Amino acid sequence: MKPAIAIIARVGAHQAFEAAGLKPEKTEVYPTPYGDSRPVHWFRHGGLEFVVLSRHGEAGYDLSAPFLNPRANLYALKALGVEKILAWVAPGSLNETMAPGDLVAPHDVLDEGRGGPHTYYPGVGWGFIRNNPVFCPELRAALLQALAGAPFPVHDRAVYVATAGPRLETAAEIRKFRFLGGDLVGQTLAPEVFLARELEFCYVGLTYVVNYAEGLVERPYQPGVLFEGLATPEEAARVRAVEAAFPELVLRLLPALAATGRQCPCPRLMERYRLRGDIGADWRTWVR
């Protein structure tokens, strides 16, 4: 049986499900042509099998965004038969209406990063994929419907600005991103979302705001605390409440996400190259 969906989250996400009473059926690291994946934890709930992968570390923040290996992680999930991915991400806010502790389902991405690699297909004549909509429209619709009545404010549209990191952005950069129409700023959705599209996943992001970005509001520098004081204690408490609700939110979303029919463009994003004879039925032969 293949997993219905994969959850790609931050640090030690599997521990949150264990704390909620779910026991992992197995945990494995999968070798890929791009190196080993992060550990993949298998769970079952309500008759649905799903897997959880933590980008940055199993117990602590061991690996910052520019040094992640999304190609290995996504390759492993594809090999397991995963078709749908929910990406749980913690950006800063460029928009005063999106406060720390709010949930946001971004609809678009502005890639301002210099990270990578951004493709599975270097040196060949394919991979020119349309990126509107960049997130699976079926999964977004199902996610937003399932979030109705959630105990946190939910925003149904946002432009996510992706930066390279690991440093945080300057106030001048934040002003530029706001001018360009950005609502959120973070370091993990890109290139992950673009790589996921190259492998024809249905991929949707659900973010929770962790702070206002630099310069949006005045905050004194505080050594030794997260983001050096960008979030007040009250805002940090709201963020912790969302983090504590993470497994409950995901389990609430799972049935709706698993039930989507994949009539969206996502399973056919590489169709032009199939029809042209560049690629065959075995996706493993596509990647380099």
C-alpha atoms as a PDB file:
ATOM      1  CA  MET A   1       0.000   0.000   0.000  1.00  0.00           C
ATOM      2  CA  LYS A   2       1.388   3.401  -0.925  1.00  0.00           C
ATOM      3  CA  PRO A   3       1.033   6.443   1.346  1.00  0.00           C
ATOM      4  CA  ALA A   4      -1.930   8.667   0.516  1.00  0.00           C
ATOM      5  CA  ILE A   5       0.041  11.830   1.192  1.00  0.00           C
ATOM      6  CA  ALA A   6       3.364  13.116   2.490  1.00  0.00           C
ATOM      7  CA  ILE A   7       3.781  15.846   5.083  1.00  0.00           C
ATOM      8  CA  ILE A   8       7.013  17.812   4.732  1.00  0.00           C
ATOM      9  CA  ALA A   9       7.469  19.925   7.829  1.00  0.00           C
ATOM     10  CA  ARG A  10      10.057  21.581  10.016  1.00  0.00           C
ATOM     11  CA  VAL A  11      11.875  20.045  12.994  1.00  0.00           C
ATOM     12  CA  GLY A  12      10.865  16.730  14.563  1.00  0.00           C
ATOM     13  CA  ALA A  13       7.392  16.713  13.020  1.00  0.00           C
ATOM     14  CA  HIS A  14       6.999  12.981  13.624  1.00  0.00           C
ATOM     15  CA  GLN A  15       7.314  13.577  17.371  1.00  0.00           C
ATOM     16  CA  ALA A  16       4.202  15.761  17.294  1.00  0.00           C
ATOM     17  CA  PHE A  17       2.168  12.869  15.859  1.00  0.00           C
ATOM     18  CA  GLU A  18       3.604  10.468  18.408  1.00  0.00           C
ATOM     19  CA  ALA A  19       2.634  12.898  21.168  1.00  0.00           C
ATOM     20  CA  ALA A  20      -0.889  12.907  19.699  1.00  0.00           C
ATOM     21  CA  GLY A  21      -1.067   9.134  20.179  1.00  0.00           C
ATOM     22  CA  LEU A  22       0.028   7.846  16.766  1.00  0.00           C
ATOM     23  CA  LYS A  23       2.847   5.322  16.615  1.00  0.00           C
ATOM     24  CA  PRO A  24       5.061   5.219  13.524  1.00  0.00           C
ATOM     25  CA  GLU A  25       4.805   1.919  11.687  1.00  0.00           C
ATOM     26  CA  LYS A  26       8.375   2.302  10.454  1.00  0.00           C
ATOM     27  CA  THR A  27      11.090   4.892   9.899  1.00  0.00           C
ATOM     28  CA  GLU A  28      13.512   4.644   7.008  1.00  0.00           C
ATOM     29  CA  VAL A  29      16.177   6.696   5.243  1.00  0.00           C
ATOM     30  CA  TYR A  30      16.054   6.124   1.479  1.00  0.00           C
ATOM     31  CA  PRO A  31      19.138   6.258  -0.770  1.00  0.00           C
ATOM     32  CA  THR A  32      18.629   8.237  -3.983  1.00  0.00           C
ATOM     33  CA  PRO A  33      20.829   9.419  -6.872  1.00  0.00           C
ATOM     34  CA  TYR A  34      21.071  12.731  -4.992  1.00  0.00           C
ATOM     35  CA  GLY A  35      22.130  11.321  -1.640  1.00  0.00           C
ATOM     36  CA  ASP A  36      20.099   9.974   1.261  1.00  0.00           C
ATOM     37  CA  SER A  37      16.681  11.364   2.051  1.00  0.00           C
ATOM     38  CA  ARG A  38      15.789  12.697   5.446  1.00  0.00           C
ATOM     39  CA  PRO A  39      14.197   9.995   7.637  1.00  0.00           C
ATOM     40  CA  VAL A  40      10.684   9.140   6.463  1.00  0.00           C
ATOM     41  CA  HIS A  41       8.219   8.202   9.209  1.00  0.00           C
ATOM     42  CA  TRP A  42       5.152   6.106   8.285  1.00  0.00           C
ATOM     43  CA  PHE A  43       1.862   6.615  10.117  1.00  0.00           C
ATOM     44  CA  ARG A  44      -1.689   5.380   9.760  1.00  0.00           C
ATOM     45  CA  HIS A  45      -4.828   7.252  10.861  1.00  0.00           C
ATOM     46  CA  GLY A  46      -8.472   6.707   9.996  1.00  0.00           C
ATOM     47  CA  GLY A  47      -7.576   4.087   7.415  1.00  0.00           C
ATOM     48  CA  LEU A  48      -5.137   6.455   5.647  1.00  0.00           C
ATOM     49  CA  GLU A  49      -1.430   5.825   5.431  1.00  0.00           C
ATOM     50  CA  PHE A  50       0.763   8.916   5.340  1.00  0.00           C
ATOM     51  CA  VAL A  51       4.432   9.738   5.753  1.00  0.00           C
ATOM     52  CA  VAL A  52       6.160  12.584   7.568  1.00  0.00           C
ATOM     53  CA  LEU A  53       9.531  14.082   6.716  1.00  0.00           C
ATOM     54  CA  SER A  54      11.240  16.868   8.671  1.00  0.00           C
ATOM     55  CA  ARG A  55      13.365  19.139   6.508  1.00  0.00           C
ATOM     56  CA  HIS A  56      15.665  20.642   9.098  1.00  0.00           C
ATOM     57  CA  GLY A  57      16.244  17.889  11.658  1.00  0.00           C
ATOM     58  CA  GLU A  58      14.768  15.093  13.704  1.00  0.00           C
ATOM     59  CA  ALA A  59      15.199  16.589  17.159  1.00  0.00           C
ATOM     60  CA  GLY A  60      16.644  20.056  16.597  1.00  0.00           C
ATOM     61  CA  TYR A  61      17.353  22.604  13.889  1.00  0.00           C
ATOM     62  CA  ASP A  62      20.349  20.768  12.446  1.00  0.00           C
ATOM     63  CA  LEU A  63      20.315  21.952   8.833  1.00  0.00           C
ATOM     64  CA  SER A  64      19.435  25.422   7.576  1.00  0.00           C
ATOM     65  CA  ALA A  65      17.536  26.069   4.372  1.00  0.00           C
ATOM     66  CA  PRO A  66      20.362  26.531   1.832  1.00  0.00           C
ATOM     67  CA  PHE A  67      21.838  23.145   2.746  1.00  0.00           C
ATOM     68  CA  LEU A  68      18.671  21.074   2.452  1.00  0.00           C
ATOM     69  CA  ASN A  69      18.451  18.376  -0.194  1.00  0.00           C
ATOM     70  CA  PRO A  70      14.914  18.581  -1.580  1.00  0.00           C
ATOM     71  CA  ARG A  71      15.839  16.581  -4.668  1.00  0.00           C
ATOM     72  CA  ALA A  72      16.688  13.555  -2.511  1.00  0.00           C
ATOM     73  CA  ASN A  73      13.615  13.993  -0.303  1.00  0.00           C
ATOM     74  CA  LEU A  74      11.207  14.313  -3.216  1.00  0.00           C
ATOM     75  CA  TYR A  75      12.816  11.484  -5.171  1.00  0.00           C
ATOM     76  CA  ALA A  76      12.357   9.211  -2.163  1.00  0.00           C
ATOM     77  CA  LEU A  77       8.700  10.193  -1.786  1.00  0.00           C
ATOM     78  CA  LYS A  78       8.066   9.615  -5.488  1.00  0.00           C
ATOM     79  CA  ALA A  79       9.677   6.173  -5.247  1.00  0.00           C
ATOM     80  CA  LEU A  80       7.333   5.335  -2.359  1.00  0.00           C
ATOM     81  CA  GLY A  81       4.324   6.094  -4.536  1.00  0.00           C
ATOM     82  CA  VAL A  82       3.385   9.406  -2.915  1.00  0.00           C
ATOM     83  CA  GLU A  83       1.322  11.605  -5.236  1.00  0.00           C
ATOM     84  CA  LYS A  84       0.318  14.476  -2.930  1.00  0.00           C
ATOM     85  CA  ILE A  85       2.400  16.655  -0.625  1.00  0.00           C
ATOM     86  CA  LEU A  86       1.394  19.059   2.122  1.00  0.00           C
ATOM     87  CA  ALA A  87       4.254  21.434   2.916  1.00  0.00           C
ATOM     88  CA  TRP A  88       4.100  22.959   6.422  1.00  0.00           C
ATOM     89  CA  VAL A  89       6.213  26.121   6.479  1.00  0.00           C
ATOM     90  CA  ALA A  90       6.944  28.936   8.953  1.00  0.00           C
ATOM     91  CA  PRO A  91       7.570  32.265   7.166  1.00  0.00           C
ATOM     92  CA  GLY A  92       7.689  35.852   8.312  1.00  0.00           C
ATOM     93  CA  SER A  93       4.972  38.325   7.381  1.00  0.00           C
ATOM     94  CA  LEU A  94       5.337  41.238   4.960  1.00  0.00           C
ATOM     95  CA  ASN A  95       1.667  42.087   5.376  1.00  0.00           C
ATOM     96  CA  GLU A  96       0.307  43.713   8.549  1.00  0.00           C
ATOM     97  CA  THR A  97      -2.967  41.800   8.159  1.00  0.00           C
ATOM     98  CA  MET A  98      -1.138  38.462   8.469  1.00  0.00           C
ATOM     99  CA  ALA A  99      -0.108  38.312  12.106  1.00  0.00           C
ATOM    100  CA  PRO A 100       2.090  35.847  13.991  1.00  0.00           C
ATOM    101  CA  GLY A 101       0.021  32.746  14.691  1.00  0.00           C
ATOM    102  CA  ASP A 102      -2.138  33.128  11.564  1.00  0.00           C
ATOM    103  CA  LEU A 103      -2.463  30.328   9.003  1.00  0.00           C
ATOM    104  CA  VAL A 104      -1.874  31.272   5.374  1.00  0.00           C
ATOM    105  CA  ALA A 105      -2.309  29.210   2.196  1.00  0.00           C
ATOM    106  CA  PRO A 106      -0.064  30.929  -0.370  1.00  0.00           C
ATOM    107  CA  HIS A 107      -1.225  30.973  -3.969  1.00  0.00           C
ATOM    108  CA  ASP A 108       1.976  32.167  -5.651  1.00  0.00           C
ATOM    109  CA  VAL A 109       5.751  32.343  -5.216  1.00  0.00           C
ATOM    110  CA  LEU A 110       8.299  35.059  -5.917  1.00  0.00           C
ATOM    111  CA  ASP A 111      11.681  33.313  -6.021  1.00  0.00           C
ATOM    112  CA  GLU A 112      14.305  35.791  -4.871  1.00  0.00           C
ATOM    113  CA  GLY A 113      16.709  33.108  -3.673  1.00  0.00           C
ATOM    114  CA  ARG A 114      19.986  32.031  -5.180  1.00  0.00           C
ATOM    115  CA  GLY A 115      19.821  28.519  -3.849  1.00  0.00           C
ATOM    116  CA  GLY A 116      19.379  25.354  -5.793  1.00  0.00           C
ATOM    117  CA  PRO A 117      19.673  23.264  -7.766  1.00  0.00           C
ATOM    118  CA  HIS A 118      16.284  24.259  -9.113  1.00  0.00           C
ATOM    119  CA  THR A 119      15.770  21.342 -11.506  1.00  0.00           C
ATOM    120  CA  TYR A 120      16.086  17.603 -11.951  1.00  0.00           C
ATOM    121  CA  TYR A 121      16.896  18.111 -15.626  1.00  0.00           C
ATOM    122  CA  PRO A 122      20.200  19.946 -16.135  1.00  0.00           C
ATOM    123  CA  GLY A 123      21.746  19.834 -19.584  1.00  0.00           C
ATOM    124  CA  VAL A 124      18.683  18.532 -21.440  1.00  0.00           C
ATOM    125  CA  GLY A 125      15.875  20.091 -23.451  1.00  0.00           C
ATOM    126  CA  TRP A 126      12.964  19.604 -21.092  1.00  0.00           C
ATOM    127  CA  GLY A 127      11.641  21.026 -17.849  1.00  0.00           C
ATOM    128  CA  PHE A 128      10.012  24.208 -19.189  1.00  0.00           C
ATOM    129  CA  ILE A 129       6.891  23.909 -17.052  1.00  0.00           C
ATOM    130  CA  ARG A 130       4.176  26.497 -16.663  1.00  0.00           C
ATOM    131  CA  ASN A 131       3.937  27.724 -13.065  1.00  0.00           C
ATOM    132  CA  ASN A 132       0.495  29.223 -12.841  1.00  0.00           C
ATOM    133  CA  PRO A 133      -0.973  27.910 -10.632  1.00  0.00           C
ATOM    134  CA  VAL A 134       2.211  26.966  -8.818  1.00  0.00           C
ATOM    135  CA  PHE A 135       0.315  25.115  -6.052  1.00  0.00           C
ATOM    136  CA  CYS A 136      -2.119  22.329  -6.875  1.00  0.00           C
ATOM    137  CA  PRO A 137      -5.551  23.974  -7.268  1.00  0.00           C
ATOM    138  CA  GLU A 138      -7.410  20.852  -6.100  1.00  0.00           C
ATOM    139  CA  LEU A 139      -5.356  20.496  -2.933  1.00  0.00           C
ATOM    140  CA  ARG A 140      -5.636  24.232  -2.189  1.00  0.00           C
ATOM    141  CA  ALA A 141      -9.413  24.136  -2.514  1.00  0.00           C
ATOM    142  CA  ALA A 142      -9.672  21.028  -0.328  1.00  0.00           C
ATOM    143  CA  LEU A 143      -7.287  22.479   2.252  1.00  0.00           C
ATOM    144  CA  LEU A 144      -9.163  25.747   2.571  1.00  0.00           C
ATOM    145  CA  GLN A 145     -12.526  24.013   2.817  1.00  0.00           C
ATOM    146  CA  ALA A 146     -11.204  21.695   5.529  1.00  0.00           C
ATOM    147  CA  LEU A 147      -9.778  24.658   7.463  1.00  0.00           C
ATOM    148  CA  ALA A 148     -13.197  26.297   7.763  1.00  0.00           C
ATOM    149  CA  GLY A 149     -13.860  26.727  11.473  1.00  0.00           C
ATOM    150  CA  ALA A 150     -10.207  26.235  12.448  1.00  0.00           C
ATOM    151  CA  PRO A 151      -9.298  27.902  15.777  1.00  0.00           C
ATOM    152  CA  PHE A 152      -6.822  30.264  14.065  1.00  0.00           C
ATOM    153  CA  PRO A 153      -7.232  33.066  11.514  1.00  0.00           C
ATOM    154  CA  VAL A 154      -6.883  31.656   7.986  1.00  0.00           C
ATOM    155  CA  HIS A 155      -5.830  33.666   4.918  1.00  0.00           C
ATOM    156  CA  ASP A 156      -6.628  32.093   1.568  1.00  0.00           C
ATOM    157  CA  ARG A 157      -4.187  33.990  -0.659  1.00  0.00           C
ATOM    158  CA  ALA A 158      -0.618  35.216  -0.331  1.00  0.00           C
ATOM    159  CA  VAL A 159       2.525  35.644  -2.384  1.00  0.00           C
ATOM    160  CA  TYR A 160       5.420  33.793  -0.738  1.00  0.00           C
ATOM    161  CA  VAL A 161       8.812  35.403  -1.331  1.00  0.00           C
ATOM    162  CA  ALA A 162      11.583  32.804  -1.229  1.00  0.00           C
ATOM    163  CA  THR A 163      15.055  33.900  -0.141  1.00  0.00           C
ATOM    164  CA  ALA A 164      18.265  31.892   0.090  1.00  0.00           C
ATOM    165  CA  GLY A 165      19.334  32.236   3.723  1.00  0.00           C
ATOM    166  CA  PRO A 166      20.522  31.252   6.178  1.00  0.00           C
ATOM    167  CA  ARG A 167      20.677  34.930   7.118  1.00  0.00           C
ATOM    168  CA  LEU A 168      17.463  36.852   7.622  1.00  0.00           C
ATOM    169  CA  GLU A 169      16.557  39.624   5.238  1.00  0.00           C
ATOM    170  CA  THR A 170      17.528  43.283   5.605  1.00  0.00           C
ATOM    171  CA  ALA A 171      14.910  45.982   6.097  1.00  0.00           C
ATOM    172  CA  ALA A 172      15.681  47.311   2.601  1.00  0.00           C
ATOM    173  CA  GLU A 173      15.090  43.872   1.082  1.00  0.00           C
ATOM    174  CA  ILE A 174      11.791  43.608   2.909  1.00  0.00           C
ATOM    175  CA  ARG A 175      10.723  46.984   1.517  1.00  0.00           C
ATOM    176  CA  LYS A 176      11.597  45.710  -1.977  1.00  0.00           C
ATOM    177  CA  PHE A 177       9.640  42.495  -1.500  1.00  0.00           C
ATOM    178  CA  ARG A 178       6.615  44.428  -0.268  1.00  0.00           C
ATOM    179  CA  PHE A 179       6.856  46.745  -3.277  1.00  0.00           C
ATOM    180  CA  LEU A 180       6.888  43.673  -5.542  1.00  0.00           C
ATOM    181  CA  GLY A 181       3.687  42.377  -3.965  1.00  0.00           C
ATOM    182  CA  GLY A 182       5.020  39.866  -1.446  1.00  0.00           C
ATOM    183  CA  ASP A 183       3.007  38.880   1.632  1.00  0.00           C
ATOM    184  CA  LEU A 184       5.268  36.273   3.257  1.00  0.00           C
ATOM    185  CA  VAL A 185       9.013  35.686   3.300  1.00  0.00           C
ATOM    186  CA  GLY A 186      10.775  32.391   3.911  1.00  0.00           C
ATOM    187  CA  GLN A 187      13.523  30.065   2.757  1.00  0.00           C
ATOM    188  CA  THR A 188      12.029  26.611   2.185  1.00  0.00           C
ATOM    189  CA  LEU A 189       9.156  26.576  -0.336  1.00  0.00           C
ATOM    190  CA  ALA A 190      11.516  27.227  -3.241  1.00  0.00           C
ATOM    191  CA  PRO A 191      13.065  25.360  -4.925  1.00  0.00           C
ATOM    192  CA  GLU A 192      11.049  22.550  -3.266  1.00  0.00           C
ATOM    193  CA  VAL A 193       7.756  23.420  -4.943  1.00  0.00           C
ATOM    194  CA  PHE A 194       9.358  23.684  -8.407  1.00  0.00           C
ATOM    195  CA  LEU A 195      11.157  20.369  -8.009  1.00  0.00           C
ATOM    196  CA  ALA A 196       7.910  18.757  -6.856  1.00  0.00           C
ATOM    197  CA  ARG A 197       6.200  19.994 -10.011  1.00  0.00           C
ATOM    198  CA  GLU A 198       8.926  18.486 -12.189  1.00  0.00           C
ATOM    199  CA  LEU A 199       8.063  15.095 -10.682  1.00  0.00           C
ATOM    200  CA  GLU A 200       4.324  15.759 -11.180  1.00  0.00           C
ATOM    201  CA  PHE A 201       3.343  15.807  -7.521  1.00  0.00           C
ATOM    202  CA  CYS A 202       0.247  17.603  -6.331  1.00  0.00           C
ATOM    203  CA  TYR A 203       1.835  20.036  -3.873  1.00  0.00           C
ATOM    204  CA  VAL A 204       0.244  22.582  -1.573  1.00  0.00           C
ATOM    205  CA  GLY A 205       1.717  24.844   1.083  1.00  0.00           C
ATOM    206  CA  LEU A 206       0.212  25.683   4.452  1.00  0.00           C
ATOM    207  CA  THR A 207       2.184  28.299   6.345  1.00  0.00           C
ATOM    208  CA  TYR A 208       1.933  29.758   9.807  1.00  0.00           C
ATOM    209  CA  VAL A 209       3.353  33.207  10.433  1.00  0.00           C
ATOM    210  CA  VAL A 210       6.125  33.263  13.041  1.00  0.00           C
ATOM    211  CA  ASN A 211       7.038  36.976  13.070  1.00  0.00           C
ATOM    212  CA  TYR A 212       6.703  40.276  11.268  1.00  0.00           C
ATOM    213  CA  ALA A 213       9.584  40.688   8.829  1.00  0.00           C
ATOM    214  CA  GLU A 214      12.428  43.113   9.445  1.00  0.00           C
ATOM    215  CA  GLY A 215      11.337  46.757   9.462  1.00  0.00           C
ATOM    216  CA  LEU A 216       7.621  46.057   9.217  1.00  0.00           C
ATOM    217  CA  VAL A 217       7.265  46.989  12.877  1.00  0.00           C
ATOM    218  CA  GLU A 218       9.901  48.427  15.183  1.00  0.00           C
ATOM    219  CA  ARG A 219      11.456  45.805  17.450  1.00  0.00           C
ATOM    220  CA  PRO A 220      14.559  46.245  19.650  1.00  0.00           C
ATOM    221  CA  TYR A 221      17.421  43.824  19.146  1.00  0.00           C
ATOM    222  CA  GLN A 222      17.440  41.088  21.795  1.00  0.00           C
ATOM    223  CA  PRO A 223      20.485  38.814  21.831  1.00  0.00           C
ATOM    224  CA  GLY A 224      19.979  35.145  22.572  1.00  0.00           C
ATOM    225  CA  VAL A 225      16.319  34.756  21.591  1.00  0.00           C
ATOM    226  CA  LEU A 226      14.716  33.450  18.402  1.00  0.00           C
ATOM    227  CA  PHE A 227      15.185  35.909  15.529  1.00  0.00           C
ATOM    228  CA  GLU A 228      16.827  38.254  18.027  1.00  0.00           C
ATOM    229  CA  GLY A 229      13.554  39.774  19.138  1.00  0.00           C
ATOM    230  CA  LEU A 230      11.511  40.072  15.941  1.00  0.00           C
ATOM    231  CA  ALA A 231       8.565  38.509  17.793  1.00  0.00           C
ATOM    232  CA  THR A 232       7.146  39.761  21.085  1.00  0.00           C
ATOM    233  CA  PRO A 233       6.446  37.265  23.891  1.00  0.00           C
ATOM    234  CA  GLU A 234       2.727  37.530  23.125  1.00  0.00           C
ATOM    235  CA  GLU A 235       3.306  36.802  19.429  1.00  0.00           C
ATOM    236  CA  ALA A 236       5.620  33.917  20.287  1.00  0.00           C
ATOM    237  CA  ALA A 237       2.885  32.443  22.472  1.00  0.00           C
ATOM    238  CA  ARG A 238       0.421  32.540  19.561  1.00  0.00           C
ATOM    239  CA  VAL A 239       2.979  30.810  17.357  1.00  0.00           C
ATOM    240  CA  ARG A 240       3.524  28.087  19.974  1.00  0.00           C
ATOM    241  CA  ALA A 241      -0.239  27.507  20.068  1.00  0.00           C
ATOM    242  CA  VAL A 242      -0.264  26.865  16.313  1.00  0.00           C
ATOM    243  CA  GLU A 243       2.757  24.579  16.565  1.00  0.00           C
ATOM    244  CA  ALA A 244       1.049  22.618  19.334  1.00  0.00           C
ATOM    245  CA  ALA A 245      -2.020  22.208  17.107  1.00  0.00           C
ATOM    246  CA  PHE A 246       0.046  21.006  14.117  1.00  0.00           C
ATOM    247  CA  PRO A 247      -0.863  17.279  14.347  1.00  0.00           C
ATOM    248  CA  GLU A 248      -4.536  18.049  14.979  1.00  0.00           C
ATOM    249  CA  LEU A 249      -4.635  20.364  11.965  1.00  0.00           C
ATOM    250  CA  VAL A 250      -2.944  17.844   9.692  1.00  0.00           C
ATOM    251  CA  LEU A 251      -5.216  14.989  10.769  1.00  0.00           C
ATOM    252  CA  ARG A 252      -8.167  17.275  10.109  1.00  0.00           C
ATOM    253  CA  LEU A 253      -6.874  17.958   6.585  1.00  0.00           C
ATOM    254  CA  LEU A 254      -5.785  14.447   5.624  1.00  0.00           C
ATOM    255  CA  PRO A 255      -9.140  12.965   4.525  1.00  0.00           C
ATOM    256  CA  ALA A 256      -9.963  15.950   2.328  1.00  0.00           C
ATOM    257  CA  LEU A 257      -6.519  16.051   0.732  1.00  0.00           C
ATOM    258  CA  ALA A 258      -6.452  12.301   0.179  1.00  0.00           C
ATOM    259  CA  ALA A 259      -9.885  12.397  -1.471  1.00  0.00           C
ATOM    260  CA  THR A 260      -8.954  14.853  -4.230  1.00  0.00           C
ATOM    261  CA  GLY A 261      -9.171  13.214  -7.631  1.00  0.00           C
ATOM    262  CA  ARG A 262      -6.075  14.611  -9.367  1.00  0.00           C
ATOM    263  CA  GLN A 263      -8.048  16.052 -12.267  1.00  0.00           C
ATOM    264  CA  CYS A 264      -5.715  19.051 -11.947  1.00  0.00           C
ATOM    265  CA  PRO A 265      -2.797  19.709 -14.340  1.00  0.00           C
ATOM    266  CA  CYS A 266      -0.230  18.352 -11.843  1.00  0.00           C
ATOM    267  CA  PRO A 267      -0.067  14.694 -13.052  1.00  0.00           C
ATOM    268  CA  ARG A 268       0.462  15.886 -16.644  1.00  0.00           C
ATOM    269  CA  LEU A 269       3.010  18.660 -16.250  1.00  0.00           C
ATOM    270  CA  MET A 270       5.586  16.726 -18.293  1.00  0.00           C
ATOM    271  CA  GLU A 271       3.086  15.590 -20.936  1.00  0.00           C
ATOM    272  CA  ARG A 272       4.641  17.653 -23.726  1.00  0.00           C
ATOM    273  CA  TYR A 273       7.894  15.759 -23.286  1.00  0.00           C
ATOM    274  CA  ARG A 274       6.107  12.410 -23.259  1.00  0.00           C
ATOM    275  CA  LEU A 275       4.328  13.213 -26.493  1.00  0.00           C
ATOM    276  CA  ARG A 276       7.577  14.430 -28.029  1.00  0.00           C
ATOM    277  CA  GLY A 277       9.290  11.170 -27.100  1.00  0.00           C
ATOM    278  CA  ASP A 278      11.867  12.764 -24.811  1.00  0.00           C
ATOM    279  CA  ILE A 279      10.726  10.842 -21.739  1.00  0.00           C
ATOM    280  CA  GLY A 280       9.054   7.505 -21.145  1.00  0.00           C
ATOM    281  CA  ALA A 281       6.689   6.044 -18.613  1.00  0.00           C
ATOM    282  CA  ASP A 282       9.388   5.396 -15.991  1.00  0.00           C
ATOM    283  CA  TRP A 283      10.030   8.698 -14.238  1.00  0.00           C
ATOM    284  CA  ARG A 284      13.338   7.385 -12.868  1.00  0.00           C
ATOM    285  CA  THR A 285      14.794   7.624 -16.362  1.00  0.00           C
ATOM    286  CA  TRP A 286      13.943  11.337 -16.577  1.00  0.00           C
ATOM    287  CA  VAL A 287      16.170  12.608 -13.811  1.00  0.00           C
ATOM    288  CA  ARG A 288      19.892  13.272 -14.065  1.00  0.00           C
END
